Protein backbone atom coordinates (compact mmCIF):
# COMPACT_ATOMS: atom_id res chain seq x y z
CA MET A 1 207.43 59.57 144.29
CA ARG A 2 210.89 57.97 144.69
CA PRO A 3 213.31 60.96 144.93
CA HIS A 4 212.09 62.15 148.35
CA LEU A 5 211.88 58.56 149.58
CA ASP A 6 215.39 57.80 148.35
CA SER A 7 216.79 60.88 150.09
CA ALA A 8 215.16 59.77 153.37
CA VAL A 9 216.66 56.29 153.02
CA GLU A 10 220.09 57.76 152.25
CA TYR A 11 219.85 60.07 155.27
CA PHE A 12 219.04 57.19 157.63
CA ASN A 13 221.91 55.16 156.19
CA ARG A 14 224.25 58.12 156.79
CA LEU A 15 223.12 58.30 160.42
CA ILE A 16 224.44 54.75 160.73
CA GLU A 17 227.61 55.22 158.67
CA ASP A 18 228.69 58.51 160.28
CA ASP A 19 228.91 57.05 163.80
CA LEU A 20 229.30 53.28 163.84
CA SER A 21 229.81 53.17 167.62
CA PHE A 22 226.48 54.92 168.08
CA ALA A 23 224.93 52.56 165.51
CA ASP A 24 226.28 49.54 167.42
CA GLU A 25 224.74 50.87 170.62
CA GLN A 26 221.39 51.49 168.92
CA TYR A 27 221.40 48.05 167.30
CA ASP A 28 222.01 46.40 170.66
CA GLN A 29 219.14 48.45 172.08
CA LEU A 30 216.87 47.34 169.21
CA ILE A 31 217.59 43.67 169.92
CA HIS A 32 217.22 44.18 173.69
CA LEU A 33 213.85 45.94 173.37
CA GLN A 34 212.46 43.19 171.14
CA LYS A 35 213.42 40.55 173.68
CA GLU A 36 212.04 42.65 176.53
CA GLN A 37 208.75 43.35 174.71
CA ASN A 38 208.29 39.84 173.25
CA VAL A 39 208.64 40.91 169.62
CA LEU A 40 209.99 37.46 168.86
CA PHE A 41 209.42 34.73 166.29
CA GLY A 42 210.12 31.71 168.45
CA GLY A 43 213.18 32.96 170.28
CA ARG A 44 214.41 35.15 167.42
CA PRO A 45 214.00 38.96 167.31
CA LEU A 46 211.94 39.83 164.24
CA ALA A 47 213.81 43.00 163.24
CA THR A 48 217.52 42.88 162.46
CA SER A 49 217.73 46.17 160.53
CA LEU A 50 218.29 49.41 162.41
CA ARG A 51 216.50 51.19 159.59
CA PRO A 52 212.77 50.49 159.19
CA THR A 53 210.94 50.83 155.88
CA PHE A 54 209.41 54.06 154.58
CA MET A 55 206.70 54.98 152.13
CA SER A 56 205.61 58.31 150.67
CA GLU A 57 202.04 59.56 151.14
CA PRO A 58 201.26 59.32 147.39
CA PHE A 59 202.58 55.74 147.31
CA TYR A 60 200.52 54.76 150.36
CA THR A 61 197.41 56.25 148.72
CA ASP A 62 198.15 54.30 145.53
CA VAL A 63 198.42 51.06 147.52
CA GLN A 64 195.13 51.85 149.32
CA ASP A 65 193.29 52.52 146.07
CA THR A 66 194.70 49.41 144.40
CA VAL A 67 193.85 47.15 147.33
CA TYR A 68 190.26 48.41 147.25
CA LEU A 69 189.89 47.78 143.51
CA ILE A 70 191.38 44.28 143.66
CA ARG A 71 189.15 43.40 146.61
CA GLN A 72 186.09 44.52 144.63
CA ALA A 73 187.28 42.44 141.68
CA VAL A 74 187.63 39.35 143.89
CA LEU A 75 184.13 39.82 145.30
CA LYS A 76 182.63 40.24 141.82
CA ILE A 77 184.31 37.09 140.55
CA ALA A 78 183.30 35.16 143.67
CA ALA A 79 179.66 36.25 143.27
CA ALA A 80 179.63 35.27 139.60
CA PHE A 81 181.46 31.93 139.73
CA PHE A 82 181.92 30.53 143.25
CA ASN A 83 178.43 29.07 143.62
CA ASP A 84 179.50 26.28 141.26
CA ARG A 85 181.01 23.30 143.10
CA ASP A 86 182.90 22.24 139.97
CA VAL A 87 184.60 25.66 139.82
CA LEU A 88 185.51 25.53 143.51
CA GLN A 89 186.92 22.04 143.22
CA ASN A 90 188.58 21.96 139.81
CA GLU A 91 189.51 25.60 139.24
CA LEU A 92 190.08 27.07 142.71
CA GLY A 93 191.37 23.77 144.11
CA LEU A 94 189.23 23.31 147.23
CA GLU A 95 189.03 19.88 148.84
CA ASP A 96 185.63 18.30 149.55
CA TRP A 97 185.95 18.97 153.29
CA GLU A 98 186.86 22.62 152.65
CA ILE A 99 183.74 23.09 150.54
CA GLU A 100 181.58 21.42 153.21
CA LEU A 101 182.95 23.66 155.98
CA ALA A 102 182.62 26.78 153.83
CA ALA A 103 178.96 25.89 153.23
CA LEU A 104 178.11 25.96 156.96
CA PRO A 105 175.79 28.90 157.72
CA THR A 106 177.27 31.96 159.41
CA LYS A 107 175.89 35.41 160.17
CA VAL A 108 179.23 36.94 159.10
CA LEU A 109 178.81 38.36 155.59
CA ARG A 110 182.43 38.80 154.56
CA LEU A 111 184.41 35.95 153.07
CA ALA A 112 187.37 37.20 155.11
CA ALA A 113 186.87 39.67 157.96
CA THR A 114 190.58 40.42 157.89
CA ALA A 115 193.12 39.54 155.21
CA ARG A 116 196.61 40.45 154.05
CA MET A 117 197.61 41.06 150.44
CA ASP A 118 201.26 40.10 149.97
CA SER A 119 203.27 42.03 147.39
CA PHE A 120 206.82 42.87 146.40
CA ILE A 121 208.21 46.33 145.76
CA THR A 122 209.15 46.33 142.07
CA THR A 123 211.25 48.56 139.86
CA ASP A 124 208.17 50.61 138.94
CA GLY A 125 205.77 50.14 141.87
CA PHE A 126 204.45 46.97 143.53
CA LYS A 127 202.89 43.66 142.53
CA PHE A 128 200.75 41.33 144.62
CA VAL A 129 201.65 37.65 144.45
CA GLU A 130 199.01 36.17 146.79
CA ILE A 131 196.31 36.91 149.35
CA ASN A 132 196.51 35.58 152.88
CA GLY A 133 192.78 35.47 153.41
CA GLU A 134 192.69 32.94 156.21
CA VAL A 135 194.58 33.98 159.35
CA PRO A 136 197.00 36.81 158.54
CA ALA A 137 199.65 37.13 161.23
CA GLY A 138 201.87 40.05 162.17
CA VAL A 139 199.37 42.77 163.15
CA ALA A 140 200.57 42.98 166.76
CA TYR A 141 204.23 42.52 165.88
CA ALA A 142 204.08 45.39 163.38
CA SER A 143 202.24 47.67 165.81
CA GLN A 144 204.62 46.97 168.68
CA MET A 145 207.62 47.60 166.43
CA GLY A 146 206.01 50.85 165.32
CA LYS A 147 206.30 52.06 168.92
CA LEU A 148 209.63 50.41 169.61
CA TYR A 149 211.56 52.05 166.76
CA ARG A 150 210.33 55.51 167.71
CA SER A 151 211.94 55.09 171.13
CA LEU A 152 215.41 54.74 169.56
CA ASP A 153 217.61 57.84 169.58
CA ILE A 154 218.68 57.27 165.98
CA PHE A 155 215.05 57.32 164.87
CA LYS A 156 214.42 60.51 166.85
CA ARG A 157 217.32 62.14 164.98
CA PHE A 158 215.89 60.96 161.68
CA GLU A 159 212.41 62.25 162.48
CA LYS A 160 213.68 65.77 163.14
CA LYS A 161 214.42 66.01 159.42
CA TYR A 162 211.80 63.58 158.08
CA PRO A 163 208.57 63.59 160.13
CA VAL A 164 206.57 60.38 159.78
CA ARG A 165 203.27 58.82 160.77
CA PHE A 166 202.44 55.21 161.55
CA VAL A 167 199.25 53.22 160.90
CA SER A 168 198.71 50.48 163.49
CA PRO A 169 197.54 47.19 161.92
CA LEU A 170 196.53 45.90 165.36
CA GLU A 171 194.17 48.80 166.08
CA HIS A 172 192.59 48.55 162.63
CA THR A 173 192.18 44.77 162.83
CA MET A 174 190.63 44.72 166.29
CA HIS A 175 188.28 47.57 165.37
CA ALA A 176 187.21 45.62 162.27
CA LEU A 177 186.54 42.46 164.28
CA PHE A 178 184.40 44.31 166.81
CA GLN A 179 182.53 46.12 164.04
CA ILE A 180 181.68 42.83 162.32
CA TYR A 181 180.68 41.29 165.66
CA HIS A 182 178.18 44.11 166.24
CA GLU A 183 176.98 44.96 162.72
CA GLN A 184 176.95 41.58 160.96
CA PHE A 185 176.87 38.96 163.70
CA ASP A 186 174.41 40.99 165.84
CA GLY A 187 176.62 40.65 168.90
CA LEU A 188 175.24 42.47 171.94
CA GLU A 189 178.23 42.86 174.27
CA GLU A 190 179.73 46.35 174.34
CA LEU A 191 183.11 44.89 175.32
CA PRO A 192 183.03 41.37 173.85
CA SER A 193 185.31 38.72 175.31
CA VAL A 194 187.89 37.28 172.92
CA ALA A 195 189.69 33.94 172.64
CA ILE A 196 192.82 33.67 170.50
CA VAL A 197 192.79 30.07 169.27
CA ASP A 198 195.76 28.23 167.81
CA HIS A 199 198.35 25.60 168.65
CA LEU A 200 200.37 26.91 171.58
CA ASP A 201 203.72 25.62 170.34
CA VAL A 202 203.85 27.78 167.19
CA PRO A 203 206.62 30.43 166.91
CA THR A 204 204.04 33.26 166.84
CA THR A 205 202.73 32.66 170.38
CA HIS A 206 204.51 35.85 171.49
CA GLU A 207 202.18 37.77 169.20
CA PHE A 208 199.18 36.23 170.94
CA ASP A 209 200.48 37.73 174.19
CA LEU A 210 200.80 41.15 172.53
CA VAL A 211 197.19 40.97 171.28
CA LYS A 212 195.97 39.81 174.69
CA ASN A 213 197.78 42.65 176.47
CA TYR A 214 196.31 45.20 174.06
CA LEU A 215 192.74 43.92 174.43
CA GLU A 216 192.98 43.80 178.21
CA ARG A 217 194.20 47.42 178.25
CA MET A 218 191.07 48.26 176.23
CA GLY A 219 188.88 46.55 178.85
CA HIS A 220 188.21 43.23 177.10
CA VAL A 221 188.53 39.77 178.61
CA CYS A 222 190.99 37.83 176.44
CA GLU A 223 192.06 34.20 176.65
CA ILE A 224 194.64 32.22 174.65
CA SER A 225 193.68 28.61 174.02
CA ASP A 226 194.60 25.49 172.12
CA PRO A 227 191.56 24.39 170.04
CA ARG A 228 191.58 21.02 171.82
CA SER A 229 191.08 22.74 175.18
CA LEU A 230 187.90 24.58 174.17
CA GLU A 231 184.51 23.66 175.58
CA CYS A 232 181.09 24.20 174.05
CA ARG A 233 178.29 24.79 176.58
CA ASP A 234 174.77 25.51 175.38
CA GLY A 235 176.27 26.56 172.03
CA TRP A 236 178.78 29.01 173.53
CA ILE A 237 182.53 28.53 173.32
CA TYR A 238 184.38 28.56 176.64
CA ALA A 239 188.16 29.06 176.83
CA ASN A 240 189.97 28.53 180.13
CA GLY A 241 186.56 28.54 181.80
CA LYS A 242 185.53 31.93 180.33
CA LYS A 243 182.51 32.41 178.05
CA ILE A 244 183.72 33.76 174.69
CA ASP A 245 181.96 36.23 172.39
CA ILE A 246 184.58 36.37 169.60
CA LEU A 247 186.83 33.49 168.64
CA TYR A 248 189.84 35.11 166.93
CA ARG A 249 190.91 32.18 164.78
CA ARG A 250 194.63 31.91 164.20
CA LEU A 251 194.39 28.16 163.59
CA LEU A 252 194.69 27.27 159.91
CA MET A 253 191.83 25.17 158.56
CA ASN A 254 194.31 22.54 157.32
CA GLU A 255 195.66 22.28 160.87
CA TYR A 256 192.14 22.02 162.28
CA TYR A 257 191.30 19.22 159.87
CA GLU A 258 194.32 17.20 161.02
CA ILE A 259 193.12 17.30 164.66
CA ARG A 260 189.35 17.51 164.06
CA ASP A 261 188.58 14.42 166.15
CA ASP A 262 190.34 15.98 169.15
CA CYS A 263 188.60 19.37 169.08
CA LYS A 264 184.93 18.72 168.44
CA ALA A 265 183.88 21.76 170.48
CA PHE A 266 185.59 23.97 167.88
CA LEU A 267 183.20 22.78 165.15
CA GLU A 268 180.20 22.53 167.47
CA GLY A 269 180.59 26.16 168.52
CA TYR A 270 180.84 27.34 164.92
CA LYS A 271 177.64 25.52 163.98
CA ALA A 272 175.78 27.00 166.97
CA GLN A 273 176.61 30.58 165.87
CA LYS A 274 176.50 32.03 169.37
CA THR A 275 180.23 32.74 169.53
CA CYS A 276 181.37 34.80 166.53
CA TYR A 277 184.26 33.12 164.67
CA LEU A 278 186.58 35.54 162.88
CA ASN A 279 187.70 34.60 160.39
CA SER A 280 184.87 32.26 159.40
CA PHE A 281 185.28 28.88 157.69
CA ARG A 282 184.68 30.48 154.26
CA THR A 283 188.10 32.10 154.00
CA LYS A 284 189.53 29.36 151.79
CA LEU A 285 187.50 30.89 148.94
CA VAL A 286 189.84 33.89 148.92
CA HIS A 287 192.96 32.24 150.33
CA LYS A 288 193.93 29.76 147.62
CA LYS A 289 196.73 31.00 145.39
CA ALA A 290 194.74 29.85 142.35
CA LEU A 291 192.50 32.86 143.04
CA PHE A 292 195.00 34.90 141.01
CA ALA A 293 194.27 32.68 138.00
CA PHE A 294 190.70 34.01 138.14
CA LEU A 295 192.01 37.58 138.29
CA THR A 296 194.19 37.15 135.20
CA ASP A 297 192.02 34.99 132.93
CA GLU A 298 189.59 36.71 130.54
CA LYS A 299 187.16 33.84 131.05
CA TYR A 300 186.49 35.29 134.52
CA THR A 301 187.53 38.94 134.31
CA ARG A 302 184.75 39.72 131.81
CA VAL A 303 182.55 40.62 134.81
CA LEU A 304 184.92 43.39 135.96
CA ASN A 305 184.91 47.10 135.16
CA SER A 306 187.73 49.03 133.50
CA ARG A 307 189.22 50.39 136.76
CA GLN A 308 189.38 46.93 138.30
CA LEU A 309 190.95 45.50 135.15
CA SER A 310 193.52 48.30 135.08
CA ALA A 311 194.51 47.66 138.71
CA ILE A 312 194.91 43.94 137.99
CA ASN A 313 196.97 44.56 134.85
CA ARG A 314 199.33 46.84 136.77
CA HIS A 315 199.59 44.94 140.04
CA VAL A 316 198.76 41.23 139.62
CA PRO A 317 201.09 38.82 137.77
CA TRP A 318 199.69 36.32 135.27
CA THR A 319 198.78 33.10 137.12
CA ARG A 320 197.36 29.71 136.14
CA LYS A 321 196.61 26.44 137.84
CA LEU A 322 199.40 24.11 136.69
CA ARG A 323 197.85 21.37 134.57
CA GLN A 324 197.64 20.15 131.01
CA GLN A 325 195.58 22.85 129.32
CA ALA A 326 195.47 25.28 126.44
CA THR A 327 195.40 28.87 127.68
CA THR A 328 196.68 32.33 126.82
CA PHE A 329 199.73 34.30 127.92
CA ARG A 330 199.66 38.03 127.11
CA GLY A 331 197.03 37.34 124.49
CA LEU A 332 198.95 34.51 122.80
CA PRO A 333 197.57 30.95 122.76
CA VAL A 334 199.92 28.51 124.52
CA ASP A 335 200.07 24.92 125.67
CA LEU A 336 200.59 25.66 129.37
CA VAL A 337 202.91 22.89 130.53
CA ASP A 338 205.08 22.97 127.41
CA PHE A 339 205.28 26.79 127.55
CA VAL A 340 206.24 26.83 131.23
CA ARG A 341 208.82 24.09 130.69
CA LYS A 342 210.54 26.02 127.88
CA ASN A 343 210.49 29.42 129.64
CA ARG A 344 211.44 28.63 133.23
CA SER A 345 213.27 31.93 133.84
CA HIS A 346 209.94 33.76 133.56
CA PHE A 347 207.95 31.68 136.05
CA VAL A 348 207.61 30.50 139.64
CA ILE A 349 205.80 27.30 140.69
CA LYS A 350 204.23 27.12 144.15
CA PRO A 351 201.68 25.13 146.15
CA ASN A 352 198.08 26.29 146.02
CA ASP A 353 197.79 26.40 149.80
CA GLU A 354 201.03 26.70 151.77
CA TYR A 355 202.88 29.44 153.65
CA GLY A 356 206.40 30.47 154.60
CA GLY A 357 207.81 29.88 151.12
CA LYS A 358 207.34 26.11 151.45
CA GLY A 359 207.47 24.32 148.10
CA VAL A 360 208.18 27.47 146.06
CA VAL A 361 210.52 26.95 143.08
CA LEU A 362 211.88 30.00 141.26
CA GLY A 363 212.52 29.17 137.62
CA PHE A 364 215.45 31.56 137.24
CA GLN A 365 217.23 29.81 140.13
CA ALA A 366 216.51 26.25 138.94
CA ASP A 367 218.37 24.19 136.36
CA GLU A 368 216.51 22.19 133.73
CA SER A 369 216.23 18.99 135.77
CA GLU A 370 215.10 20.85 138.91
CA TRP A 371 212.45 22.64 136.86
CA ASP A 372 211.22 19.35 135.39
CA VAL A 373 210.86 17.96 138.91
CA ALA A 374 208.98 21.11 140.00
CA ILE A 375 206.57 20.74 137.07
CA SER A 376 205.99 17.04 137.81
CA THR A 377 205.39 17.80 141.49
CA GLY A 378 203.08 20.68 140.64
CA LEU A 379 201.01 18.64 138.20
CA ALA A 380 200.51 15.93 140.80
CA ALA A 381 199.79 18.20 143.76
CA ASN A 382 197.50 21.01 142.59
CA TYR A 383 200.18 23.74 142.32
CA VAL A 384 199.98 27.06 140.49
CA VAL A 385 202.40 28.72 138.10
CA GLN A 386 202.89 32.48 138.19
CA GLU A 387 204.85 34.97 136.15
CA VAL A 388 207.99 36.17 137.92
CA VAL A 389 207.82 39.66 139.45
CA ASP A 390 210.63 42.12 138.67
CA ILE A 391 211.63 42.77 142.28
CA ARG A 392 213.46 45.95 143.25
CA ARG A 393 216.36 45.66 145.67
CA GLU A 394 216.95 48.49 148.11
CA PRO A 395 220.24 49.02 150.00
CA PHE A 396 220.04 48.26 153.73
CA LEU A 397 222.94 48.70 156.13
CA LEU A 398 222.83 45.49 158.14
CA LYS A 399 225.04 44.28 160.96
CA ILE A 400 226.37 40.90 159.87
CA ASP A 401 228.96 38.96 161.90
CA GLY A 402 229.82 42.09 163.86
CA SER A 403 230.34 44.37 160.84
CA TRP A 404 228.05 46.83 159.04
CA LYS A 405 227.48 45.87 155.42
CA LYS A 406 225.35 47.42 152.68
CA VAL A 407 223.10 44.63 151.42
CA PRO A 408 220.79 44.78 148.36
CA THR A 409 217.50 43.74 149.93
CA VAL A 410 214.08 42.59 148.74
CA ILE A 411 211.12 44.36 150.37
CA ASP A 412 207.88 42.46 150.83
CA LEU A 413 205.01 44.96 151.21
CA ASP A 414 201.90 43.40 152.75
CA PRO A 415 198.91 45.68 153.40
CA TYR A 416 196.25 44.46 155.81
CA LEU A 417 192.70 44.56 154.55
CA ASN A 418 189.74 44.82 156.92
CA GLY A 419 186.61 44.78 154.81
CA PRO A 420 187.01 47.48 152.14
CA LEU A 421 189.59 49.42 154.17
CA MET A 422 193.35 49.06 154.33
CA GLY A 423 194.75 49.19 157.85
CA GLY A 424 198.52 49.53 157.80
CA CYS A 425 201.19 47.26 156.36
CA LEU A 426 203.55 44.51 157.32
CA THR A 427 206.93 44.77 155.62
CA ARG A 428 209.49 42.00 155.45
CA ILE A 429 213.02 42.13 154.10
CA SER A 430 215.42 39.51 152.87
CA ALA A 431 218.68 39.26 150.99
CA SER A 432 217.17 36.27 149.15
CA ASN A 433 214.16 36.24 146.83
CA LEU A 434 211.86 34.88 149.57
CA ALA A 435 211.02 37.38 152.30
CA ASN A 436 208.83 35.19 154.52
CA VAL A 437 209.70 35.33 158.22
CA THR A 438 209.21 31.55 158.37
CA ALA A 439 211.80 31.24 155.59
CA GLY A 440 214.29 33.37 157.54
CA GLY A 441 213.38 36.90 156.48
CA GLY A 442 213.09 39.83 158.88
CA SER A 443 210.05 41.94 159.67
CA LEU A 444 210.02 45.74 160.02
CA PRO A 445 207.54 48.52 160.79
CA MET A 446 206.58 50.76 157.88
CA TYR A 447 206.35 54.54 158.38
CA ILE A 448 204.76 57.06 156.04
CA LEU A 449 206.76 60.21 155.32
CA ARG A 450 204.57 63.21 156.09
CA TYR A 451 206.16 65.60 153.59
């Protein structure tokens, strides 16, 4: 699968190297178009690489198949074990208020209507490190960049030799939301109105505008609203005075809980079940990073079939909730904390429910005292420990301080999941071992090589 992909990457790099003046012009155009089209994280253009990411058709199919199998494994484990409050609280790490909100009745069947499975490209494939099951961002950014790059002359030259196709995460996500609204929630409107709900001072507000513009082109009414500005009238949510059929929730539940006394209509509307909330309040069940401990512990995986187990073994790193416990690692009995302390180069410690790389400590970058602090923090604050992924670095020609430099770069491959179907990918790149945009990484569209 790699030889053809490597030759395509090398060809694009040569298009840059062979005419640096042309590359400078195209890079300036890339930055200009992002500013013009609001492809911005705060005030920063998301893409800083003239070359996007590519994937072969067989590789894309492999990712699709794997995502499906892991999703089925998660649903089986959830059905078998997540009706036990003790499991939710002590194993998955849910707070009391999260359990109470997840227990509120909803007509939406899926735990997460839309999710994103975050992985790294490795030396021999890809490995998922977490699931963003709550409010996955980036669908509109990725889709807009998919159009933007194809308008560049350098990309047109590339495509003459290497034809590509692009899967729009935005189209897939919106289609999935409307399908759930009609088929699960029993929504009656042919063109349901939508409210995008989040804080309006977050750096992703530009993406809200992109989603709104897309929906309005499709004939939908779309409003953008702070949760504290919502009204609930006769059970219906109103945003900016408009009655709303679908509340597209981009507000994290942790953020809601902090301001719950100031946005009572948000909870009132959910309880009334007239406006369809997507995602629902049950997403924490598949969002916590401790979910991967369930996927890699025989105590829970006994309910899975051989294909699901094979996908997990190939694509999910060993994970445990960090606490004093006896467990197993690759079949060997270990005392978890002592084992992790003595083998820091093999592990990463991270919060059970954070984003943007916040609180993540990579053992191979930490000294002994830093690792001891990470363990103490993790034990006190409900963290997880995960086996380090062998990340592949791919050469990107990047313009840094006015000069073109070849930089070994980490690629974060994040397929979007809408029900059982994969709908495109977000890819992020970074010269460091954290590729989150919030942590300073860049975001790129991903194209599939046709031949």
